[in-house]
Amino acid sequence: MADMKALVVYYSRTGNTRKVAGHIGEELEAPLEQVVDLNARPGVWGFFRAGIHARSKRLTHLRRLQFHPADFDLVVVGTPVWAWTMTPAIRTYLTRHKGELPDRVAFFATAGGGAIDKTLEEMAAVSDREPVAALGLTAQQVHDDEFDEQLQEFIDKLKA
């Protein structure tokens, strides 16, 4: 798609998902939209609360967004995996905007543990969209910058 207008939307707490989003945005020459969760979850207790909120499929309050997904041909959405699922921030984004997402969507997830595939499937279910591509990376791959080949395959599918 030569004149494809893309948007990369992501939530990141530790920076791994932000790093991947930056690479995708650069490759697609697309703006980045960071989803900011207004529900602070600091410290150790915040870490556990975050997992509980993610696992119970809670929605949250988001900072006002800059971009409208309906204005784009492709929206790429990324999340870390918390408690074997997507973050409350991305669940909220997908729930609120599923009727405004273009037909072409793609998803990516970063995880310290497992459940990447399950999280990507759940993103598709919540958004009511079948992704044109999906990418799952471990936190170690992102930290070590060992994801070039997987990222390129993902980008190639998005540009097809």
N, C-alpha and C. Protein backbone atom coordinates (compact mmCIF):
# COMPACT_ATOMS: atom_id res chain seq x y z
N MET A 1 0.85 -1.18 0.00
CA MET A 1 0.00 0.00 0.00
C MET A 1 0.90 1.23 0.00
N ALA A 2 1.06 1.83 -1.15
CA ALA A 2 2.00 2.94 -1.31
C ALA A 2 1.60 4.16 -0.49
N ASP A 3 0.34 4.51 -0.48
CA ASP A 3 -0.09 5.72 0.22
C ASP A 3 -0.81 5.40 1.53
N MET A 4 -0.45 4.30 2.16
CA MET A 4 -1.09 3.89 3.39
C MET A 4 -0.78 4.87 4.52
N LYS A 5 -1.82 5.29 5.20
CA LYS A 5 -1.67 6.17 6.36
C LYS A 5 -1.83 5.30 7.60
N ALA A 6 -0.74 5.15 8.36
CA ALA A 6 -0.73 4.24 9.50
C ALA A 6 -0.56 5.01 10.81
N LEU A 7 -1.05 4.39 11.88
CA LEU A 7 -0.91 4.90 13.24
C LEU A 7 -0.46 3.75 14.12
N VAL A 8 0.50 4.02 15.02
CA VAL A 8 0.97 3.02 15.97
C VAL A 8 0.53 3.46 17.36
N VAL A 9 -0.30 2.64 17.98
CA VAL A 9 -0.85 2.92 19.31
C VAL A 9 -0.25 1.90 20.28
N TYR A 10 0.21 2.37 21.45
CA TYR A 10 0.83 1.43 22.38
C TYR A 10 0.67 1.91 23.83
N TYR A 11 0.78 0.95 24.74
CA TYR A 11 0.92 1.23 26.16
C TYR A 11 2.21 0.57 26.60
N SER A 12 2.98 1.24 27.44
CA SER A 12 4.22 0.66 27.93
C SER A 12 4.48 1.15 29.35
N ARG A 13 4.81 0.23 30.21
CA ARG A 13 5.15 0.60 31.59
C ARG A 13 6.66 0.59 31.79
N THR A 14 7.35 -0.38 31.22
CA THR A 14 8.79 -0.50 31.45
C THR A 14 9.63 -0.02 30.27
N GLY A 15 9.00 0.22 29.12
CA GLY A 15 9.74 0.70 27.96
C GLY A 15 9.91 -0.32 26.85
N ASN A 16 9.67 -1.60 27.11
CA ASN A 16 9.84 -2.62 26.07
C ASN A 16 8.86 -2.41 24.91
N THR A 17 7.59 -2.24 25.23
CA THR A 17 6.58 -2.06 24.19
C THR A 17 6.79 -0.74 23.47
N ARG A 18 7.22 0.28 24.20
CA ARG A 18 7.53 1.59 23.59
C ARG A 18 8.66 1.45 22.57
N LYS A 19 9.66 0.67 22.91
CA LYS A 19 10.81 0.47 22.02
C LYS A 19 10.37 -0.18 20.70
N VAL A 20 9.55 -1.22 20.80
CA VAL A 20 9.05 -1.91 19.60
C VAL A 20 8.16 -0.97 18.80
N ALA A 21 7.28 -0.23 19.48
CA ALA A 21 6.40 0.73 18.80
C ALA A 21 7.22 1.75 18.03
N GLY A 22 8.31 2.21 18.61
CA GLY A 22 9.17 3.18 17.93
C GLY A 22 9.76 2.63 16.63
N HIS A 23 10.18 1.37 16.67
CA HIS A 23 10.72 0.73 15.46
C HIS A 23 9.63 0.60 14.39
N ILE A 24 8.45 0.18 14.81
CA ILE A 24 7.35 0.02 13.85
C ILE A 24 6.97 1.37 13.26
N GLY A 25 6.84 2.39 14.11
CA GLY A 25 6.51 3.73 13.64
C GLY A 25 7.53 4.26 12.64
N GLU A 26 8.79 4.01 12.92
CA GLU A 26 9.85 4.46 12.02
C GLU A 26 9.75 3.76 10.66
N GLU A 27 9.55 2.44 10.69
CA GLU A 27 9.45 1.67 9.44
C GLU A 27 8.25 2.08 8.61
N LEU A 28 7.14 2.40 9.27
CA LEU A 28 5.91 2.76 8.56
C LEU A 28 5.77 4.27 8.33
N GLU A 29 6.74 5.03 8.86
CA GLU A 29 6.65 6.50 8.82
C GLU A 29 5.31 6.94 9.39
N ALA A 30 4.99 6.38 10.56
CA ALA A 30 3.69 6.59 11.20
C ALA A 30 3.86 7.29 12.54
N PRO A 31 2.89 8.10 12.91
CA PRO A 31 2.94 8.71 14.24
C PRO A 31 2.68 7.67 15.32
N LEU A 32 3.18 7.97 16.51
CA LEU A 32 2.97 7.12 17.67
C LEU A 32 1.93 7.76 18.58
N GLU A 33 1.05 6.94 19.10
CA GLU A 33 0.04 7.38 20.08
C GLU A 33 0.26 6.55 21.34
N GLN A 34 0.83 7.18 22.37
CA GLN A 34 1.01 6.48 23.64
C GLN A 34 -0.30 6.56 24.43
N VAL A 35 -0.81 5.41 24.81
CA VAL A 35 -2.01 5.34 25.63
C VAL A 35 -1.54 5.48 27.08
N VAL A 36 -2.06 6.49 27.77
CA VAL A 36 -1.66 6.75 29.15
C VAL A 36 -2.81 6.39 30.08
N ASP A 37 -2.54 5.46 30.97
CA ASP A 37 -3.51 5.02 31.98
C ASP A 37 -3.46 5.99 33.14
N LEU A 38 -4.57 6.62 33.45
CA LEU A 38 -4.63 7.59 34.54
C LEU A 38 -4.72 6.92 35.91
N ASN A 39 -4.89 5.60 35.93
CA ASN A 39 -4.91 4.85 37.18
C ASN A 39 -3.47 4.45 37.51
N ALA A 40 -2.82 5.22 38.38
CA ALA A 40 -1.43 4.94 38.75
C ALA A 40 -1.36 3.64 39.54
N ARG A 41 -0.33 2.86 39.24
CA ARG A 41 -0.12 1.60 39.96
C ARG A 41 1.34 1.49 40.36
N PRO A 42 1.80 2.39 41.26
CA PRO A 42 3.22 2.41 41.61
C PRO A 42 3.62 1.29 42.58
N GLY A 43 4.89 0.98 42.59
CA GLY A 43 5.46 0.07 43.56
C GLY A 43 5.04 -1.38 43.39
N VAL A 44 5.41 -2.16 44.41
CA VAL A 44 5.14 -3.59 44.39
C VAL A 44 3.63 -3.86 44.43
N TRP A 45 2.91 -3.16 45.31
CA TRP A 45 1.48 -3.35 45.39
C TRP A 45 0.83 -2.97 44.06
N GLY A 46 1.32 -1.89 43.43
CA GLY A 46 0.81 -1.48 42.13
C GLY A 46 1.01 -2.54 41.07
N PHE A 47 2.14 -3.25 41.14
CA PHE A 47 2.43 -4.34 40.21
C PHE A 47 1.37 -5.44 40.36
N PHE A 48 1.06 -5.81 41.59
CA PHE A 48 0.06 -6.84 41.82
C PHE A 48 -1.34 -6.37 41.44
N ARG A 49 -1.66 -5.12 41.77
CA ARG A 49 -2.97 -4.57 41.38
C ARG A 49 -3.12 -4.55 39.87
N ALA A 50 -2.03 -4.20 39.16
CA ALA A 50 -2.06 -4.17 37.70
C ALA A 50 -2.41 -5.54 37.14
N GLY A 51 -1.80 -6.57 37.70
CA GLY A 51 -2.10 -7.93 37.25
C GLY A 51 -3.53 -8.33 37.54
N ILE A 52 -4.01 -7.96 38.71
CA ILE A 52 -5.40 -8.27 39.08
C ILE A 52 -6.37 -7.55 38.14
N HIS A 53 -6.10 -6.29 37.87
CA HIS A 53 -6.97 -5.51 36.98
C HIS A 53 -6.96 -6.07 35.56
N ALA A 54 -5.78 -6.46 35.09
CA ALA A 54 -5.68 -7.04 33.75
C ALA A 54 -6.44 -8.37 33.68
N ARG A 55 -6.20 -9.22 34.67
CA ARG A 55 -6.81 -10.55 34.67
C ARG A 55 -8.33 -10.50 34.78
N SER A 56 -8.83 -9.49 35.52
CA SER A 56 -10.29 -9.36 35.67
C SER A 56 -10.93 -8.56 34.54
N LYS A 57 -10.11 -8.23 33.53
CA LYS A 57 -10.58 -7.55 32.31
C LYS A 57 -11.20 -6.18 32.61
N ARG A 58 -10.63 -5.50 33.59
CA ARG A 58 -11.13 -4.17 33.95
C ARG A 58 -10.74 -3.14 32.91
N LEU A 59 -11.63 -2.20 32.71
CA LEU A 59 -11.31 -1.03 31.91
C LEU A 59 -10.76 0.04 32.84
N THR A 60 -10.16 1.08 32.28
CA THR A 60 -9.53 2.11 33.09
C THR A 60 -9.81 3.48 32.49
N HIS A 61 -9.27 4.50 33.10
CA HIS A 61 -9.41 5.86 32.60
C HIS A 61 -8.15 6.23 31.83
N LEU A 62 -8.33 6.75 30.63
CA LEU A 62 -7.20 7.10 29.78
C LEU A 62 -7.09 8.61 29.61
N ARG A 63 -5.84 9.05 29.43
CA ARG A 63 -5.62 10.44 29.06
C ARG A 63 -6.18 10.64 27.65
N ARG A 64 -6.65 11.83 27.39
CA ARG A 64 -7.21 12.15 26.07
C ARG A 64 -6.19 11.84 24.97
N LEU A 65 -6.68 11.22 23.91
CA LEU A 65 -5.81 10.81 22.81
C LEU A 65 -5.67 11.92 21.77
N GLN A 66 -4.56 11.91 21.09
CA GLN A 66 -4.27 12.91 20.07
C GLN A 66 -4.88 12.55 18.71
N PHE A 67 -4.89 11.24 18.38
CA PHE A 67 -5.31 10.80 17.05
C PHE A 67 -6.63 10.02 17.11
N HIS A 68 -7.35 10.08 16.02
CA HIS A 68 -8.61 9.36 15.88
C HIS A 68 -8.35 8.18 14.95
N PRO A 69 -8.57 6.93 15.39
CA PRO A 69 -8.21 5.77 14.56
C PRO A 69 -8.93 5.70 13.22
N ALA A 70 -10.11 6.28 13.12
CA ALA A 70 -10.85 6.24 11.85
C ALA A 70 -10.17 7.06 10.76
N ASP A 71 -9.23 7.91 11.13
CA ASP A 71 -8.52 8.74 10.16
C ASP A 71 -7.36 8.01 9.48
N PHE A 72 -7.18 6.74 9.80
CA PHE A 72 -6.02 5.98 9.30
C PHE A 72 -6.46 4.74 8.54
N ASP A 73 -5.60 4.31 7.61
CA ASP A 73 -5.85 3.09 6.83
C ASP A 73 -5.45 1.83 7.60
N LEU A 74 -4.49 2.01 8.51
CA LEU A 74 -3.95 0.91 9.30
C LEU A 74 -3.68 1.42 10.70
N VAL A 75 -4.13 0.67 11.70
CA VAL A 75 -3.79 0.98 13.09
C VAL A 75 -3.10 -0.25 13.68
N VAL A 76 -1.90 -0.02 14.20
CA VAL A 76 -1.10 -1.07 14.84
C VAL A 76 -1.17 -0.81 16.35
N VAL A 77 -1.57 -1.82 17.11
CA VAL A 77 -1.76 -1.65 18.55
C VAL A 77 -0.84 -2.61 19.30
N GLY A 78 -0.13 -2.07 20.31
CA GLY A 78 0.80 -2.88 21.08
C GLY A 78 0.57 -2.79 22.57
N THR A 79 0.82 -3.90 23.25
CA THR A 79 0.64 -4.00 24.69
C THR A 79 1.67 -4.93 25.31
N PRO A 80 2.06 -4.66 26.54
CA PRO A 80 2.75 -5.71 27.29
C PRO A 80 1.72 -6.74 27.75
N VAL A 81 2.18 -7.91 28.08
CA VAL A 81 1.31 -8.94 28.63
C VAL A 81 1.38 -8.85 30.15
N TRP A 82 0.22 -8.64 30.75
CA TRP A 82 0.12 -8.61 32.22
C TRP A 82 -0.82 -9.73 32.63
N ALA A 83 -0.38 -10.60 33.51
CA ALA A 83 -1.22 -11.67 34.05
C ALA A 83 -1.90 -12.45 32.92
N TRP A 84 -1.14 -12.77 31.89
CA TRP A 84 -1.57 -13.59 30.76
C TRP A 84 -2.61 -12.93 29.86
N THR A 85 -2.63 -11.61 29.84
CA THR A 85 -3.58 -10.89 28.98
C THR A 85 -3.06 -9.48 28.70
N MET A 86 -3.84 -8.70 27.95
CA MET A 86 -3.45 -7.33 27.64
C MET A 86 -3.67 -6.42 28.84
N THR A 87 -3.05 -5.27 28.80
CA THR A 87 -3.19 -4.30 29.89
C THR A 87 -4.58 -3.68 29.89
N PRO A 88 -5.03 -3.19 31.05
CA PRO A 88 -6.31 -2.49 31.08
C PRO A 88 -6.36 -1.29 30.13
N ALA A 89 -5.24 -0.61 29.94
CA ALA A 89 -5.21 0.55 29.05
C ALA A 89 -5.52 0.16 27.60
N ILE A 90 -4.91 -0.90 27.12
CA ILE A 90 -5.16 -1.32 25.74
C ILE A 90 -6.53 -1.96 25.61
N ARG A 91 -6.97 -2.69 26.63
CA ARG A 91 -8.33 -3.23 26.60
C ARG A 91 -9.33 -2.08 26.49
N THR A 92 -9.11 -1.01 27.23
CA THR A 92 -9.99 0.15 27.19
C THR A 92 -9.95 0.80 25.81
N TYR A 93 -8.75 0.99 25.26
CA TYR A 93 -8.61 1.59 23.93
C TYR A 93 -9.38 0.77 22.89
N LEU A 94 -9.14 -0.53 22.86
CA LEU A 94 -9.79 -1.38 21.86
C LEU A 94 -11.31 -1.43 22.05
N THR A 95 -11.75 -1.46 23.28
CA THR A 95 -13.19 -1.49 23.57
C THR A 95 -13.87 -0.20 23.11
N ARG A 96 -13.26 0.92 23.43
CA ARG A 96 -13.85 2.22 23.11
C ARG A 96 -13.81 2.54 21.62
N HIS A 97 -12.80 2.05 20.94
CA HIS A 97 -12.59 2.45 19.54
C HIS A 97 -12.84 1.34 18.53
N LYS A 98 -13.37 0.20 18.97
CA LYS A 98 -13.50 -0.92 18.02
C LYS A 98 -14.38 -0.57 16.83
N GLY A 99 -15.37 0.27 17.00
CA GLY A 99 -16.21 0.67 15.88
C GLY A 99 -15.57 1.71 14.98
N GLU A 100 -14.47 2.28 15.42
CA GLU A 100 -13.77 3.33 14.66
C GLU A 100 -12.47 2.83 14.03
N LEU A 101 -12.07 1.62 14.37
CA LEU A 101 -10.84 1.08 13.81
C LEU A 101 -11.03 0.78 12.33
N PRO A 102 -10.00 1.00 11.53
CA PRO A 102 -10.11 0.63 10.11
C PRO A 102 -10.15 -0.89 9.97
N ASP A 103 -10.44 -1.36 8.77
CA ASP A 103 -10.45 -2.80 8.52
C ASP A 103 -9.07 -3.41 8.71
N ARG A 104 -8.04 -2.63 8.41
CA ARG A 104 -6.66 -3.12 8.54
C ARG A 104 -6.11 -2.73 9.92
N VAL A 105 -5.95 -3.75 10.76
CA VAL A 105 -5.32 -3.58 12.06
C VAL A 105 -4.22 -4.62 12.19
N ALA A 106 -3.30 -4.35 13.10
CA ALA A 106 -2.25 -5.31 13.44
C ALA A 106 -1.98 -5.17 14.93
N PHE A 107 -1.52 -6.24 15.53
CA PHE A 107 -1.28 -6.25 16.97
C PHE A 107 0.12 -6.75 17.27
N PHE A 108 0.70 -6.21 18.35
CA PHE A 108 1.96 -6.76 18.85
C PHE A 108 1.93 -6.75 20.36
N ALA A 109 2.68 -7.69 20.94
CA ALA A 109 2.73 -7.82 22.39
C ALA A 109 4.15 -8.18 22.81
N THR A 110 4.52 -7.68 23.98
CA THR A 110 5.80 -8.02 24.59
C THR A 110 5.51 -8.68 25.93
N ALA A 111 6.32 -9.66 26.29
CA ALA A 111 6.03 -10.40 27.53
C ALA A 111 7.30 -10.89 28.21
N GLY A 112 7.29 -10.81 29.52
CA GLY A 112 8.37 -11.38 30.30
C GLY A 112 8.21 -12.89 30.42
N GLY A 113 6.98 -13.35 30.34
CA GLY A 113 6.69 -14.78 30.42
C GLY A 113 5.97 -15.25 29.19
N GLY A 114 4.89 -15.98 29.39
CA GLY A 114 4.16 -16.56 28.27
C GLY A 114 2.88 -15.81 27.96
N ALA A 115 2.00 -16.50 27.30
CA ALA A 115 0.65 -16.04 26.94
C ALA A 115 0.64 -14.96 25.86
N ILE A 116 1.68 -14.87 25.08
CA ILE A 116 1.70 -13.87 24.02
C ILE A 116 0.62 -14.18 22.98
N ASP A 117 0.58 -15.42 22.51
CA ASP A 117 -0.41 -15.77 21.48
C ASP A 117 -1.82 -15.58 21.98
N LYS A 118 -2.09 -15.97 23.21
CA LYS A 118 -3.41 -15.80 23.81
C LYS A 118 -3.77 -14.31 23.88
N THR A 119 -2.82 -13.49 24.24
CA THR A 119 -3.06 -12.05 24.32
C THR A 119 -3.38 -11.47 22.96
N LEU A 120 -2.64 -11.87 21.93
CA LEU A 120 -2.90 -11.38 20.58
C LEU A 120 -4.29 -11.82 20.10
N GLU A 121 -4.68 -13.04 20.41
CA GLU A 121 -6.02 -13.52 20.05
C GLU A 121 -7.10 -12.73 20.77
N GLU A 122 -6.85 -12.41 22.03
CA GLU A 122 -7.83 -11.65 22.79
C GLU A 122 -7.95 -10.21 22.27
N MET A 123 -6.86 -9.64 21.81
CA MET A 123 -6.91 -8.30 21.22
C MET A 123 -7.82 -8.31 19.99
N ALA A 124 -7.71 -9.37 19.18
CA ALA A 124 -8.57 -9.49 18.00
C ALA A 124 -10.03 -9.63 18.42
N ALA A 125 -10.28 -10.42 19.44
CA ALA A 125 -11.66 -10.62 19.89
C ALA A 125 -12.27 -9.33 20.44
N VAL A 126 -11.52 -8.60 21.25
CA VAL A 126 -12.04 -7.36 21.84
C VAL A 126 -12.28 -6.30 20.78
N SER A 127 -11.41 -6.25 19.79
CA SER A 127 -11.52 -5.21 18.75
C SER A 127 -12.50 -5.57 17.64
N ASP A 128 -12.94 -6.82 17.59
CA ASP A 128 -13.78 -7.31 16.50
C ASP A 128 -13.09 -7.17 15.15
N ARG A 129 -11.77 -7.33 15.13
CA ARG A 129 -11.00 -7.22 13.90
C ARG A 129 -10.01 -8.38 13.82
N GLU A 130 -9.90 -8.93 12.62
CA GLU A 130 -8.88 -9.95 12.36
C GLU A 130 -7.63 -9.21 11.89
N PRO A 131 -6.52 -9.34 12.60
CA PRO A 131 -5.33 -8.58 12.23
C PRO A 131 -4.70 -9.06 10.93
N VAL A 132 -4.12 -8.11 10.19
CA VAL A 132 -3.37 -8.47 8.99
C VAL A 132 -2.01 -9.04 9.38
N ALA A 133 -1.57 -8.77 10.61
CA ALA A 133 -0.31 -9.30 11.11
C ALA A 133 -0.32 -9.23 12.63
N ALA A 134 0.45 -10.12 13.25
CA ALA A 134 0.60 -10.13 14.69
C ALA A 134 2.06 -10.45 15.02
N LEU A 135 2.56 -9.82 16.05
CA LEU A 135 3.96 -9.99 16.45
C LEU A 135 4.02 -10.16 17.95
N GLY A 136 4.68 -11.21 18.39
CA GLY A 136 4.91 -11.43 19.81
C GLY A 136 6.39 -11.53 20.08
N LEU A 137 6.85 -10.76 21.07
CA LEU A 137 8.27 -10.74 21.43
C LEU A 137 8.43 -10.89 22.93
N THR A 138 9.50 -11.55 23.34
CA THR A 138 9.79 -11.63 24.76
C THR A 138 10.54 -10.36 25.18
N ALA A 139 10.46 -10.07 26.46
CA ALA A 139 11.18 -8.92 27.00
C ALA A 139 12.68 -9.08 26.77
N GLN A 140 13.15 -10.31 26.84
CA GLN A 140 14.59 -10.56 26.62
C GLN A 140 14.98 -10.23 25.18
N GLN A 141 14.17 -10.63 24.21
CA GLN A 141 14.46 -10.29 22.81
C GLN A 141 14.53 -8.78 22.62
N VAL A 142 13.60 -8.07 23.22
CA VAL A 142 13.57 -6.61 23.09
C VAL A 142 14.79 -6.00 23.77
N HIS A 143 15.06 -6.44 24.98
CA HIS A 143 16.20 -5.93 25.74
C HIS A 143 17.51 -6.15 24.99
N ASP A 144 17.66 -7.34 24.38
CA ASP A 144 18.90 -7.69 23.68
C ASP A 144 18.91 -7.24 22.22
N ASP A 145 17.86 -6.53 21.77
CA ASP A 145 17.75 -6.11 20.37
C ASP A 145 17.88 -7.29 19.41
N GLU A 146 17.21 -8.38 19.73
CA GLU A 146 17.25 -9.58 18.90
C GLU A 146 15.87 -9.87 18.32
N PHE A 147 15.34 -8.89 17.58
CA PHE A 147 14.02 -9.08 16.99
C PHE A 147 13.92 -8.51 15.58
N ASP A 148 15.05 -8.20 14.97
CA ASP A 148 15.06 -7.59 13.63
C ASP A 148 14.33 -8.44 12.59
N GLU A 149 14.61 -9.75 12.57
CA GLU A 149 14.00 -10.61 11.56
C GLU A 149 12.49 -10.71 11.74
N GLN A 150 12.04 -10.90 12.97
CA GLN A 150 10.60 -10.98 13.25
C GLN A 150 9.91 -9.65 12.94
N LEU A 151 10.57 -8.55 13.29
CA LEU A 151 10.00 -7.23 13.02
C LEU A 151 9.87 -7.01 11.52
N GLN A 152 10.88 -7.40 10.75
CA GLN A 152 10.83 -7.20 9.31
C GLN A 152 9.71 -8.01 8.67
N GLU A 153 9.50 -9.25 9.12
CA GLU A 153 8.39 -10.06 8.61
C GLU A 153 7.05 -9.40 8.92
N PHE A 154 6.92 -8.85 10.13
CA PHE A 154 5.71 -8.14 10.54
C PHE A 154 5.48 -6.91 9.65
N ILE A 155 6.51 -6.12 9.44
CA ILE A 155 6.42 -4.90 8.62
C ILE A 155 6.06 -5.27 7.18
N ASP A 156 6.67 -6.32 6.65
CA ASP A 156 6.37 -6.74 5.28
C ASP A 156 4.89 -7.08 5.11
N LYS A 157 4.30 -7.74 6.10
CA LYS A 157 2.86 -8.05 6.05
C LYS A 157 2.02 -6.77 6.09
N LEU A 158 2.47 -5.79 6.86
CA LEU A 158 1.72 -4.54 6.95
C LEU A 158 1.77 -3.74 5.66
N LYS A 159 2.88 -3.85 4.96
CA LYS A 159 3.04 -3.10 3.71
C LYS A 159 2.47 -3.81 2.51
N ALA A 160 2.07 -5.06 2.67
CA ALA A 160 1.56 -5.86 1.54
C ALA A 160 0.19 -5.35 1.09
